[in-house]
Amino acid sequence: STGRDGETQDLVTGTEKPRVYLYEDTIVSVPTQLYDLAEAGL
C-alpha cells in the first residue's frame, strides 16, 4: 500500500470500511505496529 488500509473504520472520515482478506501464500507488507492486529497467520 502507499499508506494504510484494511482498518474497520476510515481514520479520516470515521466511516466504516471493508476489511482486507488475504489468502494463503500471499506476500504482504505489514508495519510492526499492525502485525499483532492481523487475524491472519503471518
Full PDB file with SEQRES, HELIX, SHEET, SSBOND, CRYST1, ORIGX, SCALE, CONECT and MASTER records, all heavy atoms in Angstrom:
SEQRES   1 A   42  SER THR GLY ARG ASP GLY GLU THR GLN ASP LEU VAL THR          
SEQRES   2 A   42  GLY THR GLU LYS PRO ARG VAL TYR LEU TYR GLU ASP THR          
SEQRES   3 A   42  ILE VAL SER VAL PRO THR GLN LEU TYR ASP LEU ALA GLU          
SEQRES   4 A   42  ALA GLY LEU                                                  
HELIX    1 AA1 THR A   32  TYR A   35  1                                   4    
CRYST1    1.000    1.000    1.000  90.00  90.00  90.00 P 1           1          
ORIGX1      1.000000  0.000000  0.000000        0.00000                         
ORIGX2      0.000000  1.000000  0.000000        0.00000                         
ORIGX3      0.000000  0.000000  1.000000        0.00000                         
SCALE1      1.000000  0.000000  0.000000        0.00000                         
SCALE2      0.000000  1.000000  0.000000        0.00000                         
SCALE3      0.000000  0.000000  1.000000        0.00000                         
ATOM      1  N   SER A   1       0.839  -1.185   0.000  1.00  0.00           N  
ATOM      2  CA  SER A   1       0.000   0.000   0.000  1.00  0.00           C  
ATOM      3  C   SER A   1       0.877   1.239   0.000  1.00  0.00           C  
ATOM      4  O   SER A   1       2.042   1.200   0.394  1.00  0.00           O  
ATOM      5  CB  SER A   1      -0.914  -0.004   1.238  1.00  0.00           C  
ATOM      6  OG  SER A   1      -1.668   1.179   1.327  1.00  0.00           O  
ATOM      7  N   THR A   2       0.308   2.348  -0.435  1.00  0.00           N  
ATOM      8  CA  THR A   2       1.021   3.618  -0.370  1.00  0.00           C  
ATOM      9  C   THR A   2       0.633   4.392   0.885  1.00  0.00           C  
ATOM     10  O   THR A   2       0.920   5.570   1.007  1.00  0.00           O  
ATOM     11  CB  THR A   2       0.701   4.467  -1.606  1.00  0.00           C  
ATOM     12  OG1 THR A   2      -0.719   4.604  -1.712  1.00  0.00           O  
ATOM     13  CG2 THR A   2       1.243   3.812  -2.865  1.00  0.00           C  
ATOM     14  N   GLY A   3      -0.013   3.728   1.783  1.00  0.00           N  
ATOM     15  CA  GLY A   3      -0.409   4.333   3.061  1.00  0.00           C  
ATOM     16  C   GLY A   3      -0.816   3.227   3.994  1.00  0.00           C  
ATOM     17  O   GLY A   3      -0.035   2.336   4.284  1.00  0.00           O  
ATOM     18  N   ARG A   4      -2.083   3.222   4.404  1.00  0.00           N  
ATOM     19  CA  ARG A   4      -2.590   2.189   5.299  1.00  0.00           C  
ATOM     20  C   ARG A   4      -3.999   1.824   4.866  1.00  0.00           C  
ATOM     21  O   ARG A   4      -4.793   2.682   4.518  1.00  0.00           O  
ATOM     22  CB  ARG A   4      -2.600   2.700   6.744  1.00  0.00           C  
ATOM     23  CG  ARG A   4      -3.214   1.734   7.761  1.00  0.00           C  
ATOM     24  CD  ARG A   4      -3.181   2.343   9.147  1.00  0.00           C  
ATOM     25  NE  ARG A   4      -3.810   1.476  10.146  1.00  0.00           N  
ATOM     26  CZ  ARG A   4      -3.896   1.765  11.452  1.00  0.00           C  
ATOM     27  NH1 ARG A   4      -3.379   2.895  11.907  1.00  0.00           N  
ATOM     28  NH2 ARG A   4      -4.477   0.926  12.290  1.00  0.00           N  
ATOM     29  N   ASP A   5      -4.308   0.541   4.877  1.00  0.00           N  
ATOM     30  CA  ASP A   5      -5.654   0.097   4.527  1.00  0.00           C  
ATOM     31  C   ASP A   5      -5.945  -1.214   5.264  1.00  0.00           C  
ATOM     32  O   ASP A   5      -5.038  -1.902   5.714  1.00  0.00           O  
ATOM     33  CB  ASP A   5      -5.798  -0.107   3.018  1.00  0.00           C  
ATOM     34  CG  ASP A   5      -7.246   0.003   2.555  1.00  0.00           C  
ATOM     35  OD1 ASP A   5      -8.137   0.215   3.414  1.00  0.00           O  
ATOM     36  OD2 ASP A   5      -7.498  -0.119   1.349  1.00  0.00           O  
ATOM     37  N   GLY A   6      -7.246  -1.516   5.342  1.00  0.00           N  
ATOM     38  CA  GLY A   6      -7.669  -2.749   5.987  1.00  0.00           C  
ATOM     39  C   GLY A   6      -8.266  -2.538   7.361  1.00  0.00           C  
ATOM     40  O   GLY A   6      -8.800  -3.457   7.972  1.00  0.00           O  
ATOM     41  N   GLU A   7      -8.184  -1.272   7.883  1.00  0.00           N  
ATOM     42  CA  GLU A   7      -8.792  -0.986   9.175  1.00  0.00           C  
ATOM     43  C   GLU A   7     -10.311  -0.969   9.031  1.00  0.00           C  
ATOM     44  O   GLU A   7     -10.844  -0.780   7.937  1.00  0.00           O  
ATOM     45  CB  GLU A   7      -8.280   0.350   9.746  1.00  0.00           C  
ATOM     46  CG  GLU A   7      -8.642   1.580   8.939  1.00  0.00           C  
ATOM     47  CD  GLU A   7      -7.647   1.898   7.840  1.00  0.00           C  
ATOM     48  OE1 GLU A   7      -6.998   0.965   7.334  1.00  0.00           O  
ATOM     49  OE2 GLU A   7      -7.560   3.081   7.464  1.00  0.00           O  
ATOM     50  N   THR A   8     -11.037  -1.168  10.114  1.00  0.00           N  
ATOM     51  CA  THR A   8     -12.501  -1.272  10.063  1.00  0.00           C  
ATOM     52  C   THR A   8     -13.164   0.078   9.907  1.00  0.00           C  
ATOM     53  O   THR A   8     -14.318   0.168   9.488  1.00  0.00           O  
ATOM     54  CB  THR A   8     -13.048  -1.948  11.328  1.00  0.00           C  
ATOM     55  OG1 THR A   8     -12.626  -1.199  12.474  1.00  0.00           O  
ATOM     56  CG2 THR A   8     -12.525  -3.372  11.446  1.00  0.00           C  
ATOM     57  N   GLN A   9     -12.452   1.159  10.237  1.00  0.00           N  
ATOM     58  CA  GLN A   9     -13.026   2.497  10.177  1.00  0.00           C  
ATOM     59  C   GLN A   9     -12.040   3.446   9.515  1.00  0.00           C  
ATOM     60  O   GLN A   9     -10.842   3.406   9.804  1.00  0.00           O  
ATOM     61  CB  GLN A   9     -13.364   2.978  11.592  1.00  0.00           C  
ATOM     62  CG  GLN A   9     -14.187   4.264  11.640  1.00  0.00           C  
ATOM     63  CD  GLN A   9     -14.558   4.638  13.065  1.00  0.00           C  
ATOM     64  OE1 GLN A   9     -13.701   5.009  13.860  1.00  0.00           O  
ATOM     65  NE2 GLN A   9     -15.835   4.519  13.395  1.00  0.00           N  
ATOM     66  N   ASP A  10     -12.542   4.276   8.615  1.00  0.00           N  
ATOM     67  CA  ASP A  10     -11.693   5.264   7.968  1.00  0.00           C  
ATOM     68  C   ASP A  10     -11.139   6.214   9.017  1.00  0.00           C  
ATOM     69  O   ASP A  10     -11.888   6.812   9.801  1.00  0.00           O  
ATOM     70  CB  ASP A  10     -12.498   6.052   6.926  1.00  0.00           C  
ATOM     71  CG  ASP A  10     -11.598   6.897   6.036  1.00  0.00           C  
ATOM     72  OD1 ASP A  10     -11.025   7.874   6.561  1.00  0.00           O  
ATOM     73  OD2 ASP A  10     -11.495   6.602   4.848  1.00  0.00           O  
ATOM     74  N   LEU A  11      -9.821   6.356   9.037  1.00  0.00           N  
ATOM     75  CA  LEU A  11      -9.178   7.166  10.074  1.00  0.00           C  
ATOM     76  C   LEU A  11      -9.420   8.653   9.885  1.00  0.00           C  
ATOM     77  O   LEU A  11      -9.213   9.440  10.807  1.00  0.00           O  
ATOM     78  CB  LEU A  11      -7.667   6.880  10.080  1.00  0.00           C  
ATOM     79  CG  LEU A  11      -7.279   5.425  10.380  1.00  0.00           C  
ATOM     80  CD1 LEU A  11      -5.771   5.262  10.308  1.00  0.00           C  
ATOM     81  CD2 LEU A  11      -7.800   4.978  11.732  1.00  0.00           C  
ATOM     82  N   VAL A  12      -9.869   9.053   8.681  1.00  0.00           N  
ATOM     83  CA  VAL A  12     -10.130  10.466   8.405  1.00  0.00           C  
ATOM     84  C   VAL A  12     -11.600  10.809   8.568  1.00  0.00           C  
ATOM     85  O   VAL A  12     -11.973  11.743   9.268  1.00  0.00           O  
ATOM     86  CB  VAL A  12      -9.647  10.847   6.984  1.00  0.00           C  
ATOM     87  CG1 VAL A  12      -9.993  12.303   6.680  1.00  0.00           C  
ATOM     88  CG2 VAL A  12      -8.150  10.611   6.851  1.00  0.00           C  
ATOM     89  N   THR A  13     -12.463  10.000   7.932  1.00  0.00           N  
ATOM     90  CA  THR A  13     -13.890  10.323   7.925  1.00  0.00           C  
ATOM     91  C   THR A  13     -14.682   9.652   9.035  1.00  0.00           C  
ATOM     92  O   THR A  13     -15.793  10.065   9.338  1.00  0.00           O  
ATOM     93  CB  THR A  13     -14.512   9.918   6.573  1.00  0.00           C  
ATOM     94  OG1 THR A  13     -14.443   8.485   6.434  1.00  0.00           O  
ATOM     95  CG2 THR A  13     -13.771  10.573   5.419  1.00  0.00           C  
ATOM     96  N   GLY A  14     -14.123   8.585   9.619  1.00  0.00           N  
ATOM     97  CA  GLY A  14     -14.832   7.872  10.668  1.00  0.00           C  
ATOM     98  C   GLY A  14     -15.880   6.898  10.154  1.00  0.00           C  
ATOM     99  O   GLY A  14     -16.577   6.256  10.942  1.00  0.00           O  
ATOM    100  N   THR A  15     -16.018   6.771   8.825  1.00  0.00           N  
ATOM    101  CA  THR A  15     -16.996   5.852   8.252  1.00  0.00           C  
ATOM    102  C   THR A  15     -16.449   4.425   8.246  1.00  0.00           C  
ATOM    103  O   THR A  15     -15.242   4.200   8.265  1.00  0.00           O  
ATOM    104  CB  THR A  15     -17.340   6.268   6.810  1.00  0.00           C  
ATOM    105  OG1 THR A  15     -16.125   6.350   6.045  1.00  0.00           O  
ATOM    106  CG2 THR A  15     -18.034   7.612   6.799  1.00  0.00           C  
ATOM    107  N   GLU A  16     -17.384   3.454   8.220  1.00  0.00           N  
ATOM    108  CA  GLU A  16     -16.974   2.060   8.192  1.00  0.00           C  
ATOM    109  C   GLU A  16     -16.330   1.715   6.854  1.00  0.00           C  
ATOM    110  O   GLU A  16     -16.707   2.251   5.817  1.00  0.00           O  
ATOM    111  CB  GLU A  16     -18.181   1.146   8.431  1.00  0.00           C  
ATOM    112  CG  GLU A  16     -18.703   1.194   9.862  1.00  0.00           C  
ATOM    113  CD  GLU A  16     -19.761   0.141  10.115  1.00  0.00           C  
ATOM    114  OE1 GLU A  16     -20.010  -0.683   9.199  1.00  0.00           O  
ATOM    115  OE2 GLU A  16     -20.335   0.134  11.208  1.00  0.00           O  
ATOM    116  N   LYS A  17     -15.352   0.812   6.895  1.00  0.00           N  
ATOM    117  CA  LYS A  17     -14.632   0.416   5.684  1.00  0.00           C  
ATOM    118  C   LYS A  17     -14.625  -1.100   5.565  1.00  0.00           C  
ATOM    119  O   LYS A  17     -14.621  -1.809   6.582  1.00  0.00           O  
ATOM    120  CB  LYS A  17     -13.172   0.893   5.745  1.00  0.00           C  
ATOM    121  CG  LYS A  17     -12.959   2.375   5.642  1.00  0.00           C  
ATOM    122  CD  LYS A  17     -11.482   2.698   5.583  1.00  0.00           C  
ATOM    123  CE  LYS A  17     -10.803   1.987   4.433  1.00  0.00           C  
ATOM    124  NZ  LYS A  17      -9.377   2.308   4.342  1.00  0.00           N  
ATOM    125  N   PRO A  18     -14.608  -1.609   4.326  1.00  0.00           N  
ATOM    126  CA  PRO A  18     -14.409  -3.052   4.167  1.00  0.00           C  
ATOM    127  C   PRO A  18     -12.998  -3.435   4.578  1.00  0.00           C  
ATOM    128  O   PRO A  18     -12.052  -2.664   4.368  1.00  0.00           O  
ATOM    129  CB  PRO A  18     -14.629  -3.282   2.666  1.00  0.00           C  
ATOM    130  CG  PRO A  18     -14.398  -1.955   2.031  1.00  0.00           C  
ATOM    131  CD  PRO A  18     -14.794  -0.922   3.041  1.00  0.00           C  
ATOM    132  N   ARG A  19     -12.850  -4.593   5.193  1.00  0.00           N  
ATOM    133  CA  ARG A  19     -11.521  -5.055   5.606  1.00  0.00           C  
ATOM    134  C   ARG A  19     -10.861  -5.816   4.457  1.00  0.00           C  
ATOM    135  O   ARG A  19     -11.509  -6.188   3.480  1.00  0.00           O  
ATOM    136  CB  ARG A  19     -11.655  -5.938   6.843  1.00  0.00           C  
ATOM    137  CG  ARG A  19     -12.353  -5.226   7.990  1.00  0.00           C  
ATOM    138  CD  ARG A  19     -12.816  -6.199   9.053  1.00  0.00           C  
ATOM    139  NE  ARG A  19     -11.699  -6.686   9.859  1.00  0.00           N  
ATOM    140  CZ  ARG A  19     -11.795  -7.700  10.718  1.00  0.00           C  
ATOM    141  NH1 ARG A  19     -12.938  -8.351  10.853  1.00  0.00           N  
ATOM    142  NH2 ARG A  19     -10.743  -8.064  11.425  1.00  0.00           N  
ATOM    143  N   VAL A  20      -9.554  -6.025   4.583  1.00  0.00           N  
ATOM    144  CA  VAL A  20      -8.801  -6.714   3.533  1.00  0.00           C  
ATOM    145  C   VAL A  20      -8.533  -8.154   3.963  1.00  0.00           C  
ATOM    146  O   VAL A  20      -7.898  -8.392   4.999  1.00  0.00           O  
ATOM    147  CB  VAL A  20      -7.468  -5.990   3.244  1.00  0.00           C  
ATOM    148  CG1 VAL A  20      -6.659  -6.765   2.206  1.00  0.00           C  
ATOM    149  CG2 VAL A  20      -7.734  -4.573   2.752  1.00  0.00           C  
ATOM    150  N   TYR A  21      -9.028  -9.090   3.160  1.00  0.00           N  
ATOM    151  CA  TYR A  21      -8.894 -10.518   3.464  1.00  0.00           C  
ATOM    152  C   TYR A  21      -7.859 -11.130   2.527  1.00  0.00           C  
ATOM    153  O   TYR A  21      -7.980 -11.019   1.302  1.00  0.00           O  
ATOM    154  CB  TYR A  21     -10.238 -11.227   3.281  1.00  0.00           C  
ATOM    155  CG  TYR A  21     -10.270 -12.648   3.794  1.00  0.00           C  
ATOM    156  CD1 TYR A  21     -10.661 -12.917   5.107  1.00  0.00           C  
ATOM    157  CD2 TYR A  21      -9.911 -13.718   2.979  1.00  0.00           C  
ATOM    158  CE1 TYR A  21     -10.698 -14.221   5.589  1.00  0.00           C  
ATOM    159  CE2 TYR A  21      -9.938 -15.022   3.446  1.00  0.00           C  
ATOM    160  CZ  TYR A  21     -10.337 -15.267   4.745  1.00  0.00           C  
ATOM    161  OH  TYR A  21     -10.374 -16.561   5.235  1.00  0.00           O  
ATOM    162  N   LEU A  22      -6.836 -11.758   3.115  1.00  0.00           N  
ATOM    163  CA  LEU A  22      -5.754 -12.337   2.316  1.00  0.00           C  
ATOM    164  C   LEU A  22      -5.734 -13.857   2.444  1.00  0.00           C  
ATOM    165  O   LEU A  22      -5.997 -14.401   3.526  1.00  0.00           O  
ATOM    166  CB  LEU A  22      -4.401 -11.772   2.758  1.00  0.00           C  
ATOM    167  CG  LEU A  22      -4.216 -10.250   2.632  1.00  0.00           C  
ATOM    168  CD1 LEU A  22      -2.808  -9.859   3.041  1.00  0.00           C  
ATOM    169  CD2 LEU A  22      -4.518  -9.771   1.210  1.00  0.00           C  
ATOM    170  N   TYR A  23      -5.387 -14.509   1.333  1.00  0.00           N  
ATOM    171  CA  TYR A  23      -5.343 -15.969   1.294  1.00  0.00           C  
ATOM    172  C   TYR A  23      -3.912 -16.479   1.485  1.00  0.00           C  
ATOM    173  O   TYR A  23      -2.945 -15.720   1.385  1.00  0.00           O  
ATOM    174  CB  TYR A  23      -5.912 -16.463  -0.042  1.00  0.00           C  
ATOM    175  CG  TYR A  23      -7.378 -16.138  -0.209  1.00  0.00           C  
ATOM    176  CD1 TYR A  23      -7.781 -14.942  -0.809  1.00  0.00           C  
ATOM    177  CD2 TYR A  23      -8.360 -17.016   0.235  1.00  0.00           C  
ATOM    178  CE1 TYR A  23      -9.129 -14.633  -0.953  1.00  0.00           C  
ATOM    179  CE2 TYR A  23      -9.707 -16.716   0.097  1.00  0.00           C  
ATOM    180  CZ  TYR A  23     -10.083 -15.525  -0.493  1.00  0.00           C  
ATOM    181  OH  TYR A  23     -11.416 -15.219  -0.628  1.00  0.00           O  
ATOM    182  N   GLU A  24      -3.813 -17.767   1.743  1.00  0.00           N  
ATOM    183  CA  GLU A  24      -2.512 -18.389   1.997  1.00  0.00           C  
ATOM    184  C   GLU A  24      -1.537 -18.148   0.843  1.00  0.00           C  
ATOM    185  O   GLU A  24      -1.925 -18.116  -0.323  1.00  0.00           O  
ATOM    186  CB  GLU A  24      -2.677 -19.901   2.212  1.00  0.00           C  
ATOM    187  CG  GLU A  24      -3.368 -20.251   3.519  1.00  0.00           C  
ATOM    188  CD  GLU A  24      -3.479 -21.762   3.725  1.00  0.00           C  
ATOM    189  OE1 GLU A  24      -2.827 -22.501   2.956  1.00  0.00           O  
ATOM    190  OE2 GLU A  24      -4.207 -22.174   4.631  1.00  0.00           O  
ATOM    191  N   ASP A  25      -0.273 -17.964   1.228  1.00  0.00           N  
ATOM    192  CA  ASP A  25       0.871 -17.772   0.321  1.00  0.00           C  
ATOM    193  C   ASP A  25       0.951 -16.372  -0.284  1.00  0.00           C  
ATOM    194  O   ASP A  25       1.892 -16.073  -1.032  1.00  0.00           O  
ATOM    195  CB  ASP A  25       0.900 -18.821  -0.803  1.00  0.00           C  
ATOM    196  CG  ASP A  25       1.198 -20.220  -0.265  1.00  0.00           C  
ATOM    197  OD1 ASP A  25       1.938 -20.314   0.733  1.00  0.00           O  
ATOM    198  OD2 ASP A  25       0.687 -21.192  -0.836  1.00  0.00           O  
ATOM    199  N   THR A  26       0.001 -15.498   0.021  1.00  0.00           N  
ATOM    200  CA  THR A  26       0.120 -14.101  -0.401  1.00  0.00           C  
ATOM    201  C   THR A  26       1.291 -13.455   0.339  1.00  0.00           C  
ATOM    202  O   THR A  26       1.508 -13.709   1.521  1.00  0.00           O  
ATOM    203  CB  THR A  26      -1.168 -13.318  -0.069  1.00  0.00           C  
ATOM    204  OG1 THR A  26      -2.270 -13.941  -0.715  1.00  0.00           O  
ATOM    205  CG2 THR A  26      -1.064 -11.873  -0.527  1.00  0.00           C  
ATOM    206  N   ILE A  27       2.050 -12.621  -0.359  1.00  0.00           N  
ATOM    207  CA  ILE A  27       3.125 -11.856   0.271  1.00  0.00           C  
ATOM    208  C   ILE A  27       2.573 -10.455   0.552  1.00  0.00           C  
ATOM    209  O   ILE A  27       1.998  -9.822  -0.332  1.00  0.00           O  
ATOM    210  CB  ILE A  27       4.362 -11.768  -0.648  1.00  0.00           C  
ATOM    211  CG1 ILE A  27       4.864 -13.174  -1.017  1.00  0.00           C  
ATOM    212  CG2 ILE A  27       5.466 -10.944   0.020  1.00  0.00           C  
ATOM    213  CD1 ILE A  27       5.321 -14.002   0.167  1.00  0.00           C  
ATOM    214  N   VAL A  28       2.755  -9.962   1.759  1.00  0.00           N  
ATOM    215  CA  VAL A  28       2.166  -8.684   2.148  1.00  0.00           C  
ATOM    216  C   VAL A  28       3.144  -7.883   2.998  1.00  0.00           C  
ATOM    217  O   VAL A  28       3.938  -8.441   3.755  1.00  0.00           O  
ATOM    218  CB  VAL A  28       0.836  -8.915   2.919  1.00  0.00           C  
ATOM    219  CG1 VAL A  28       1.066  -9.739   4.175  1.00  0.00           C  
ATOM    220  CG2 VAL A  28       0.144  -7.602   3.224  1.00  0.00           C  
ATOM    221  N   SER A  29       3.077  -6.560   2.847  1.00  0.00           N  
ATOM    222  CA  SER A  29       3.908  -5.687   3.690  1.00  0.00           C  
ATOM    223  C   SER A  29       3.060  -5.190   4.862  1.00  0.00           C  
ATOM    224  O   SER A  29       1.965  -4.660   4.669  1.00  0.00           O  
ATOM    225  CB  SER A  29       4.453  -4.508   2.878  1.00  0.00           C  
ATOM    226  OG  SER A  29       3.416  -3.697   2.386  1.00  0.00           O  
ATOM    227  N   VAL A  30       3.588  -5.373   6.057  1.00  0.00           N  
ATOM    228  CA  VAL A  30       2.872  -5.005   7.283  1.00  0.00           C  
ATOM    229  C   VAL A  30       3.839  -4.297   8.224  1.00  0.00           C  
ATOM    230  O   VAL A  30       4.927  -4.817   8.503  1.00  0.00           O  
ATOM    231  CB  VAL A  30       2.303  -6.262   7.990  1.00  0.00           C  
ATOM    232  CG1 VAL A  30       1.548  -5.874   9.258  1.00  0.00           C  
ATOM    233  CG2 VAL A  30       1.388  -7.043   7.054  1.00  0.00           C  
ATOM    234  N   PRO A  31       3.496  -3.116   8.744  1.00  0.00           N  
ATOM    235  CA  PRO A  31       4.372  -2.446   9.711  1.00  0.00           C  
ATOM    236  C   PRO A  31       4.303  -3.149  11.069  1.00  0.00           C  
ATOM    237  O   PRO A  31       3.308  -3.806  11.394  1.00  0.00           O  
ATOM    238  CB  PRO A  31       3.804  -1.025   9.784  1.00  0.00           C  
ATOM    239  CG  PRO A  31       2.392  -1.163   9.385  1.00  0.00           C  
ATOM    240  CD  PRO A  31       2.324  -2.288   8.414  1.00  0.00           C  
ATOM    241  N   THR A  32       5.355  -3.010  11.843  1.00  0.00           N  
ATOM    242  CA  THR A  32       5.456  -3.737  13.119  1.00  0.00           C  
ATOM    243  C   THR A  32       4.271  -3.481  14.042  1.00  0.00           C  
ATOM    244  O   THR A  32       3.788  -4.393  14.717  1.00  0.00           O  
ATOM    245  CB  THR A  32       6.760  -3.362  13.844  1.00  0.00           C  
ATOM    246  OG1 THR A  32       6.858  -1.928  13.922  1.00  0.00           O  
ATOM    247  CG2 THR A  32       7.969  -3.903  13.106  1.00  0.00           C  
ATOM    248  N   GLN A  33       3.749  -2.255  14.069  1.00  0.00           N  
ATOM    249  CA  GLN A  33       2.662  -1.935  14.986  1.00  0.00           C  
ATOM    250  C   GLN A  33       1.321  -2.531  14.559  1.00  0.00           C  
ATOM    251  O   GLN A  33       0.373  -2.550  15.350  1.00  0.00           O  
ATOM    252  CB  GLN A  33       2.527  -0.422  15.148  1.00  0.00           C  
ATOM    253  CG  GLN A  33       3.686   0.220  15.909  1.00  0.00           C  
ATOM    254  CD  GLN A  33       3.467   1.717  16.135  1.00  0.00           C  
ATOM    255  OE1 GLN A  33       2.346   2.177  16.269  1.00  0.00           O  
ATOM    256  NE2 GLN A  33       4.560   2.469  16.166  1.00  0.00           N  
ATOM    257  N   LEU A  34       1.223  -2.998  13.319  1.00  0.00           N  
ATOM    258  CA  LEU A  34      -0.014  -3.618  12.860  1.00  0.00           C  
ATOM    259  C   LEU A  34       0.083  -5.142  12.792  1.00  0.00           C  
ATOM    260  O   LEU A  34      -0.922  -5.818  12.592  1.00  0.00           O  
ATOM    261  CB  LEU A  34      -0.400  -3.086  11.467  1.00  0.00           C  
ATOM    262  CG  LEU A  34      -0.682  -1.586  11.351  1.00  0.00           C  
ATOM    263  CD1 LEU A  34      -1.108  -1.233   9.921  1.00  0.00           C  
ATOM    264  CD2 LEU A  34      -1.755  -1.151  12.344  1.00  0.00           C  
ATOM    265  N   TYR A  35       1.288  -5.667  13.007  1.00  0.00           N  
ATOM    266  CA  TYR A  35       1.497  -7.105  12.860  1.00  0.00           C  
ATOM    267  C   TYR A  35       0.619  -7.898  13.831  1.00  0.00           C  
ATOM    268  O   TYR A  35      -0.045  -8.871  13.440  1.00  0.00           O  
ATOM    269  CB  TYR A  35       2.973  -7.444  13.083  1.00  0.00           C  
ATOM    270  CG  TYR A  35       3.274  -8.924  13.012  1.00  0.00           C  
ATOM    271  CD1 TYR A  35       3.415  -9.556  11.776  1.00  0.00           C  
ATOM    272  CD2 TYR A  35       3.404  -9.690  14.172  1.00  0.00           C  
ATOM    273  CE1 TYR A  35       3.680 -10.913  11.700  1.00  0.00           C  
ATOM    274  CE2 TYR A  35       3.661 -11.045  14.109  1.00  0.00           C  
ATOM    275  CZ  TYR A  35       3.797 -11.658  12.868  1.00  0.00           C  
ATOM    276  OH  TYR A  35       4.035 -13.003  12.791  1.00  0.00           O  
ATOM    277  N   ASP A  36       0.575  -7.493  15.084  1.00  0.00           N  
ATOM    278  CA  ASP A  36      -0.199  -8.235  16.088  1.00  0.00           C  
ATOM    279  C   ASP A  36      -1.705  -8.062  15.921  1.00  0.00           C  
ATOM    280  O   ASP A  36      -2.483  -8.803  16.528  1.00  0.00           O  
ATOM    281  CB  ASP A  36       0.206  -7.799  17.501  1.00  0.00           C  
ATOM    282  CG  ASP A  36       1.606  -8.276  17.876  1.00  0.00           C  
ATOM    283  OD1 ASP A  36       2.052  -9.293  17.295  1.00  0.00           O  
ATOM    284  OD2 ASP A  36       2.252  -7.629  18.720  1.00  0.00           O  
ATOM    285  N   LEU A  37      -2.122  -7.089  15.103  1.00  0.00           N  
ATOM    286  CA  LEU A  37      -3.554  -6.866  14.881  1.00  0.00           C  
ATOM    287  C   LEU A  37      -4.105  -7.767  13.779  1.00  0.00           C  
ATOM    288  O   LEU A  37      -5.327  -7.847  13.591  1.00  0.00           O  
ATOM    289  CB  LEU A  37      -3.817  -5.398  14.511  1.00  0.00           C  
ATOM    290  CG  LEU A  37      -3.419  -4.347  15.551  1.00  0.00           C  
ATOM    291  CD1 LEU A  37      -3.734  -2.946  15.014  1.00  0.00           C  
ATOM    292  CD2 LEU A  37      -4.142  -4.588  16.867  1.00  0.00           C  
ATOM    293  N   ALA A  38      -3.222  -8.444  13.048  1.00  0.00           N  
ATOM    294  CA  ALA A  38      -3.667  -9.299  11.947  1.00  0.00           C  
ATOM    295  C   ALA A  38      -4.423 -10.507  12.474  1.00  0.00           C  
ATOM    296  O   ALA A  38      -3.994 -11.159  13.439  1.00  0.00           O  
ATOM    297  CB  ALA A  38      -2.467  -9.745  11.115  1.00  0.00           C  
ATOM    298  N   GLU A  39      -5.554 -10.809  11.853  1.00  0.00           N  
ATOM    299  CA  GLU A  39      -6.292 -12.020  12.193  1.00  0.00           C  
ATOM    300  C   GLU A  39      -5.807 -13.202  11.367  1.00  0.00           C  
ATOM    301  O   GLU A  39      -6.072 -14.354  11.710  1.00  0.00           O  
ATOM    302  CB  GLU A  39      -7.788 -11.795  11.983  1.00  0.00           C  
ATOM    303  CG  GLU A  39      -8.374 -10.739  12.927  1.00  0.00           C  
ATOM    304  CD  GLU A  39      -9.850 -10.509  12.717  1.00  0.00           C  
ATOM    305  OE1 GLU A  39     -10.520 -11.404  12.154  1.00  0.00           O  
ATOM    306  OE2 GLU A  39     -10.345  -9.441  13.118  1.00  0.00           O  
ATOM    307  N   ALA A  40      -5.109 -12.915  10.290  1.00  0.00           N  
ATOM    308  CA  ALA A  40      -4.476 -13.970   9.501  1.00  0.00           C  
ATOM    309  C   ALA A  40      -3.198 -14.429  10.203  1.00  0.00           C  
ATOM    310  O   ALA A  40      -2.614 -13.689  11.000  1.00  0.00           O  
ATOM    311  CB  ALA A  40      -4.140 -13.448   8.108  1.00  0.00           C  
ATOM    312  N   GLY A  41      -2.775 -15.639   9.892  1.00  0.00           N  
ATOM    313  CA  GLY A  41      -1.489 -16.109  10.386  1.00  0.00           C  
ATOM    314  C   GLY A  41      -0.395 -15.619   9.472  1.00  0.00           C  
ATOM    315  O   GLY A  41      -0.395 -15.933   8.274  1.00  0.00           O  
ATOM    316  N   LEU A  42       0.523 -14.816   9.998  1.00  0.00           N  
ATOM    317  CA  LEU A  42       1.569 -14.214   9.182  1.00  0.00           C  
ATOM    318  C   LEU A  42       2.942 -14.747   9.562  1.00  0.00           C  
ATOM    319  O   LEU A  42       3.331 -14.701  10.734  1.00  0.00           O  
ATOM    320  CB  LEU A  42       1.554 -12.685   9.337  1.00  0.00           C  
ATOM    321  CG  LEU A  42       0.300 -11.946   8.891  1.00  0.00           C  
ATOM    322  CD1 LEU A  42       0.457 -10.449   9.135  1.00  0.00           C  
ATOM    323  CD2 LEU A  42       0.000 -12.227   7.422  1.00  0.00           C  
TER     324      LEU A  42                                                      
MASTER        0    0    0    1    0    0    0    6  323    1    0    4          
END                                                                             
